[in-house]
N, C-alpha and C. Protein backbone atom coordinates (compact mmCIF):
# COMPACT_ATOMS: atom_id res chain seq x y z
N UNK A 1 0.84 -1.18 0.00
CA UNK A 1 0.00 0.00 0.00
C UNK A 1 0.88 1.25 0.00
N UNK A 2 0.28 2.38 -0.16
CA UNK A 2 1.05 3.63 -0.15
C UNK A 2 1.68 3.90 1.21
N UNK A 3 1.10 3.30 2.27
CA UNK A 3 1.67 3.50 3.61
C UNK A 3 2.82 2.54 3.89
N UNK A 4 3.07 1.61 2.96
CA UNK A 4 4.16 0.66 3.15
C UNK A 4 3.72 -0.67 3.74
N UNK A 5 2.47 -0.79 4.13
CA UNK A 5 1.97 -2.06 4.65
C UNK A 5 1.83 -3.08 3.53
N UNK A 6 2.09 -4.33 3.84
CA UNK A 6 1.94 -5.41 2.88
C UNK A 6 0.89 -6.38 3.39
N UNK A 7 0.00 -6.78 2.52
CA UNK A 7 -1.05 -7.73 2.86
C UNK A 7 -0.94 -8.91 1.91
N UNK A 8 -1.27 -10.08 2.39
CA UNK A 8 -1.28 -11.25 1.50
C UNK A 8 -2.44 -12.15 1.90
N UNK A 9 -2.86 -12.96 0.95
CA UNK A 9 -3.94 -13.91 1.18
C UNK A 9 -3.62 -15.17 0.39
N UNK A 10 -4.13 -16.27 0.86
CA UNK A 10 -3.93 -17.54 0.17
C UNK A 10 -5.28 -18.17 -0.07
N UNK A 11 -5.48 -18.64 -1.27
CA UNK A 11 -6.71 -19.36 -1.61
C UNK A 11 -6.31 -20.81 -1.79
N UNK A 12 -6.80 -21.66 -0.92
CA UNK A 12 -6.43 -23.07 -0.97
C UNK A 12 -6.96 -23.72 -2.23
N UNK A 13 -8.22 -23.47 -2.54
CA UNK A 13 -8.84 -24.05 -3.73
C UNK A 13 -9.49 -22.93 -4.54
N UNK A 14 -8.93 -22.64 -5.71
CA UNK A 14 -9.45 -21.57 -6.56
C UNK A 14 -10.86 -21.91 -7.03
N UNK A 15 -11.58 -20.88 -7.44
CA UNK A 15 -12.94 -21.07 -7.95
C UNK A 15 -12.86 -21.92 -9.20
N UNK A 16 -13.64 -22.98 -9.24
CA UNK A 16 -13.62 -23.91 -10.35
C UNK A 16 -12.87 -25.19 -10.03
N UNK A 17 -12.10 -25.19 -8.94
CA UNK A 17 -11.45 -26.42 -8.48
C UNK A 17 -12.54 -27.38 -8.04
N UNK A 18 -12.30 -28.67 -8.15
CA UNK A 18 -13.35 -29.63 -7.78
C UNK A 18 -13.75 -29.52 -6.31
N UNK A 19 -12.88 -28.96 -5.47
CA UNK A 19 -13.24 -28.76 -4.07
C UNK A 19 -13.88 -27.38 -3.83
N UNK A 20 -13.97 -26.57 -4.87
CA UNK A 20 -14.63 -25.26 -4.81
C UNK A 20 -15.29 -25.01 -6.17
N UNK A 21 -16.26 -25.86 -6.53
CA UNK A 21 -16.83 -25.79 -7.88
C UNK A 21 -17.66 -24.54 -8.13
N UNK A 22 -17.72 -24.18 -9.40
CA UNK A 22 -18.58 -23.07 -9.81
C UNK A 22 -20.01 -23.57 -9.94
N UNK A 23 -20.95 -22.68 -9.74
CA UNK A 23 -22.35 -23.02 -9.97
C UNK A 23 -22.59 -23.05 -11.48
N UNK A 24 -23.70 -23.63 -11.89
CA UNK A 24 -24.05 -23.63 -13.31
C UNK A 24 -24.13 -22.20 -13.84
N UNK A 25 -24.67 -21.30 -13.05
CA UNK A 25 -24.77 -19.90 -13.48
C UNK A 25 -23.38 -19.30 -13.70
N UNK A 26 -22.45 -19.58 -12.81
CA UNK A 26 -21.08 -19.07 -12.97
C UNK A 26 -20.41 -19.66 -14.21
N UNK A 27 -20.65 -20.94 -14.47
CA UNK A 27 -20.10 -21.57 -15.66
C UNK A 27 -20.65 -20.88 -16.91
N UNK A 28 -21.95 -20.64 -16.92
CA UNK A 28 -22.57 -19.99 -18.08
C UNK A 28 -22.06 -18.55 -18.25
N UNK A 29 -21.88 -17.83 -17.15
CA UNK A 29 -21.34 -16.46 -17.24
C UNK A 29 -19.93 -16.47 -17.82
N UNK A 30 -19.12 -17.43 -17.38
CA UNK A 30 -17.76 -17.53 -17.90
C UNK A 30 -17.79 -17.91 -19.38
N UNK A 31 -18.66 -18.84 -19.75
CA UNK A 31 -18.82 -19.23 -21.15
C UNK A 31 -19.14 -18.02 -22.00
N UNK A 32 -20.12 -17.24 -21.56
CA UNK A 32 -20.52 -16.06 -22.34
C UNK A 32 -19.41 -15.01 -22.40
N UNK A 33 -18.66 -14.86 -21.31
CA UNK A 33 -17.56 -13.88 -21.33
C UNK A 33 -16.48 -14.27 -22.34
N UNK A 34 -16.37 -15.55 -22.63
CA UNK A 34 -15.35 -16.03 -23.57
C UNK A 34 -15.86 -16.16 -25.00
N UNK A 35 -17.18 -16.25 -25.18
CA UNK A 35 -17.71 -16.51 -26.53
C UNK A 35 -18.51 -15.38 -27.15
N UNK A 36 -19.02 -14.46 -26.36
CA UNK A 36 -19.95 -13.47 -26.90
C UNK A 36 -19.37 -12.59 -28.00
N UNK A 37 -18.08 -12.38 -28.02
CA UNK A 37 -17.52 -11.55 -29.09
C UNK A 37 -17.27 -12.36 -30.37
N UNK A 38 -17.44 -13.69 -30.29
CA UNK A 38 -17.17 -14.54 -31.44
C UNK A 38 -18.42 -15.18 -32.03
N UNK A 39 -19.49 -15.27 -31.24
CA UNK A 39 -20.71 -15.93 -31.68
C UNK A 39 -21.90 -15.01 -31.48
N UNK A 40 -22.92 -15.18 -32.31
CA UNK A 40 -24.16 -14.44 -32.09
C UNK A 40 -24.84 -15.02 -30.85
N UNK A 41 -25.82 -14.33 -30.33
CA UNK A 41 -26.51 -14.84 -29.14
C UNK A 41 -27.23 -16.15 -29.44
N UNK A 42 -27.77 -16.30 -30.66
CA UNK A 42 -28.42 -17.56 -31.03
C UNK A 42 -27.41 -18.70 -31.10
N UNK A 43 -26.24 -18.43 -31.70
CA UNK A 43 -25.19 -19.46 -31.79
C UNK A 43 -24.71 -19.85 -30.40
N UNK A 44 -24.52 -18.86 -29.56
CA UNK A 44 -24.05 -19.09 -28.21
C UNK A 44 -25.04 -19.94 -27.42
N UNK A 45 -26.32 -19.62 -27.52
CA UNK A 45 -27.35 -20.37 -26.81
C UNK A 45 -27.42 -21.81 -27.30
N UNK A 46 -27.34 -22.01 -28.62
CA UNK A 46 -27.40 -23.36 -29.18
C UNK A 46 -26.18 -24.18 -28.76
N UNK A 47 -25.01 -23.57 -28.78
CA UNK A 47 -23.80 -24.26 -28.38
C UNK A 47 -23.85 -24.62 -26.90
N UNK A 48 -24.27 -23.70 -26.08
CA UNK A 48 -24.34 -23.96 -24.65
C UNK A 48 -25.31 -25.11 -24.36
N UNK A 49 -26.42 -25.14 -25.05
CA UNK A 49 -27.37 -26.24 -24.88
C UNK A 49 -26.72 -27.57 -25.23
N UNK A 50 -25.97 -27.60 -26.32
CA UNK A 50 -25.28 -28.85 -26.73
C UNK A 50 -24.25 -29.25 -25.69
N UNK A 51 -23.50 -28.29 -25.17
CA UNK A 51 -22.46 -28.59 -24.20
C UNK A 51 -23.04 -29.12 -22.89
N UNK A 52 -24.18 -28.59 -22.46
CA UNK A 52 -24.80 -29.08 -21.24
C UNK A 52 -25.35 -30.49 -21.43
N UNK A 53 -25.52 -30.92 -22.67
CA UNK A 53 -26.12 -32.23 -22.96
C UNK A 53 -25.21 -33.11 -23.80
N UNK A 54 -23.93 -33.05 -23.56
CA UNK A 54 -22.96 -33.83 -24.34
C UNK A 54 -23.23 -35.33 -24.31
N UNK A 55 -23.67 -35.84 -23.16
CA UNK A 55 -23.87 -37.29 -23.03
C UNK A 55 -24.85 -37.83 -24.05
N UNK A 56 -25.82 -37.03 -24.45
CA UNK A 56 -26.84 -37.50 -25.37
C UNK A 56 -26.53 -37.23 -26.83
N UNK A 57 -25.35 -36.68 -27.12
CA UNK A 57 -25.02 -36.35 -28.50
C UNK A 57 -24.42 -37.56 -29.21
N UNK A 58 -25.01 -37.97 -30.32
CA UNK A 58 -24.46 -39.10 -31.05
C UNK A 58 -23.21 -38.73 -31.85
N UNK A 59 -23.03 -37.43 -32.14
CA UNK A 59 -21.89 -36.99 -32.96
C UNK A 59 -21.29 -35.73 -32.35
N UNK A 60 -20.17 -35.88 -31.64
CA UNK A 60 -19.50 -34.74 -31.01
C UNK A 60 -18.97 -33.76 -32.05
N UNK A 61 -18.82 -34.22 -33.27
CA UNK A 61 -18.38 -33.35 -34.36
C UNK A 61 -19.32 -32.18 -34.57
N UNK A 62 -20.57 -32.35 -34.17
CA UNK A 62 -21.55 -31.26 -34.30
C UNK A 62 -21.10 -30.05 -33.47
N UNK A 63 -20.58 -30.30 -32.27
CA UNK A 63 -20.10 -29.21 -31.42
C UNK A 63 -18.90 -28.53 -32.08
N UNK A 64 -18.00 -29.32 -32.62
CA UNK A 64 -16.82 -28.77 -33.29
C UNK A 64 -17.24 -27.88 -34.46
N UNK A 65 -18.19 -28.32 -35.23
CA UNK A 65 -18.66 -27.52 -36.37
C UNK A 65 -19.33 -26.23 -35.90
N UNK A 66 -19.95 -26.25 -34.74
CA UNK A 66 -20.63 -25.06 -34.22
C UNK A 66 -19.66 -23.97 -33.79
N UNK A 67 -18.43 -24.33 -33.45
CA UNK A 67 -17.48 -23.33 -32.96
C UNK A 67 -16.43 -22.95 -33.99
N UNK A 68 -16.51 -23.51 -35.17
CA UNK A 68 -15.54 -23.19 -36.21
C UNK A 68 -15.72 -21.75 -36.67
N UNK A 69 -14.62 -21.00 -36.65
CA UNK A 69 -14.64 -19.62 -37.14
C UNK A 69 -13.88 -19.62 -38.45
N UNK A 70 -14.53 -19.21 -39.51
CA UNK A 70 -13.96 -19.28 -40.84
C UNK A 70 -13.19 -18.00 -41.18
N UNK A 71 -12.02 -18.14 -41.77
CA UNK A 71 -11.20 -17.02 -42.26
C UNK A 71 -10.92 -15.97 -41.19
N UNK A 72 -10.81 -16.39 -39.96
CA UNK A 72 -10.49 -15.45 -38.89
C UNK A 72 -11.60 -14.47 -38.57
N UNK A 73 -12.77 -14.68 -39.13
CA UNK A 73 -13.89 -13.76 -38.90
C UNK A 73 -14.63 -14.18 -37.64
N UNK A 74 -15.11 -13.22 -36.91
CA UNK A 74 -15.97 -13.53 -35.79
C UNK A 74 -17.41 -13.25 -36.22
N UNK A 75 -18.32 -13.95 -35.57
CA UNK A 75 -19.76 -13.87 -35.86
C UNK A 75 -19.97 -14.24 -37.26
């Protein structure tokens, strides 16, 4: 600090660690913070739905095709 005092803190398990898991809402917020500039809101919603239901997908390639960005273009 400007007064010369030093403070420190230790986080044993960071947010997202299996012993300190994120809520579904936090996961979705993080997902949107990472994807919103690259996908439209419709694309983002469709992809998120697929990701939450991976177990039921017969072809994981569908997810890969949904996130492909062509020629370096976003959206």
